[in-house]
Amino acid sequence: MKVPELLAPAGNLEKLKIALTYGADAVYLAGKAYGLRAAAGNFSLEEMEEGVRFAHERGKKVYVTLNIIPHNGDLKGLDQYIQNIDRIGVDAVIVADPGILTIVKENAPGLSVALSTQANNTNWKSAIFWHNAGVNRIVLARELSLKEIKTIVENTPDTLEIEGFIHGAMCISYSGRCLLSNYMANRDSNRGACAHPCRWQYHLVEEKRPGEYYPVYEDERGTYIFNSKDLCMIEHIPDLINAGITSFKIEGRMKSLYYVATVVSIYRKAIDAYIKDPETFEFDPTWLEELAKASHREYTTGFYFTRPGDKEQLYETSTYIRNYDFAGLVIDYNEDTGVATIEQRNRMEIGDQIEVMGPYRDFFSQEITEMTDEENNPIDSAPHAQQIIKIKMDHPVKPLDILRKQKEKI
């Protein structure tokens, strides 16, 4: 049995460290250019070098996205950039375009290359074509069933790795190739500047009745006809492993640090539990409950088991389900006093019930009974963003542990 890699998004250096600390085997990220998430924090070369060093010290990997669909002007400076990231020691690059693949091979012939999902690989024959061209891993199109994936694995060499998405947002487009943003907002989704028009609210206008707006769905607010549910495969880890998928990919370089920690930690638990004892493995319902504490839309299994139908779309709203707030991040802990130093991320007050989560262990709950500012002056609340505070903890904690707080129900 192959033990799959758990691959997590890293929108910035802080999220990289959280992803790897909470159980990811590797992260994927972008520099300031050539990637498809231009609005993410992304990495300078100096930050990338620090991230690679952090990963390699822990026996983990870093992949850099070069997966735009480039126009002529986008190729300027790419040779030097590839040489720079190769020097830094990144473990692989992710490309979608044959021209960029060629430039990688010319400037860093020893650098491993993964083919992006943007290249829409849907069959084993094209997978072999790309492998023969120098690609080491195929990031499969999201439109494949589990049966189709098994066929690809069975008909491709063992030297070719297969990566598949297991969790996160789904595009209405074909494997991310979308033109809506270009037409409606003059922002090219295939060059990193998607405006996400698939999440907008739409009405229908008949040509001879200008100004009369009809809802596409029978709802007075209109509908979000392109708005997909989020992918979630936590209940099907054995199926994914037994299909021979090399790397399990989590979507979300634009998502929060708290989202990354939550999703990575739960998939880590599920994968480890199955690998440890496949014969007696049982799905733990609390895993799904924990995933629901991170910001998400309703969940779907995408194309893995059946062709998605109308139930895989969200017609009423594009709003995320957010039942918990990321309250704070532990930056230090005094074992003698039991007091943790916290960087606040959302308002906390004396009397609040919080949950504290950390990598490779279950969360615990407690009431905030004692809180001081950085100078040890007692305070009743912490209202300021990234305020440094100190909280008496019921149980020991570690740096990078996360405090979360359930939202009040309205």
Foldseek 3Di string as FASTA:
>chain_A
DAQAFEEEEALFLVLLLLLVFQAGQEYEFEACFQALANVGPGDHLVSLLVSQVSNVVVNGAYEYENAFPDDPVRCPPLLVVLLSVVVSPHQAYEYADPVSVVSNCVRPVPHAYEYALNNADQAQVVLQVVVVVRHQEYEHWLQYALVRLLRNVVNHDPSHAYEYEAWWFDFLDGSQCDCPQCVPPVAHSSGHGRPPLLQDFAFDDDPVRPPDTHAPDPDPRHWSQGAFFIGHCLQPLVSCVVSPHRYYYYDDSPFDSVLSSQLSQLSSVSSVQCVVPVVPDDRDVVSVVSNLQGWGGDYDNDNHHHHDDPVRGGIPHNGTRHFKDFFWFFADADPVQQKTKTFGAAKDFQQAKKWKDGHPDDIDIDGFHFKAFPVRHTDGMDHDHRGIMMTRDPDDDHGGITIMGGDDDD
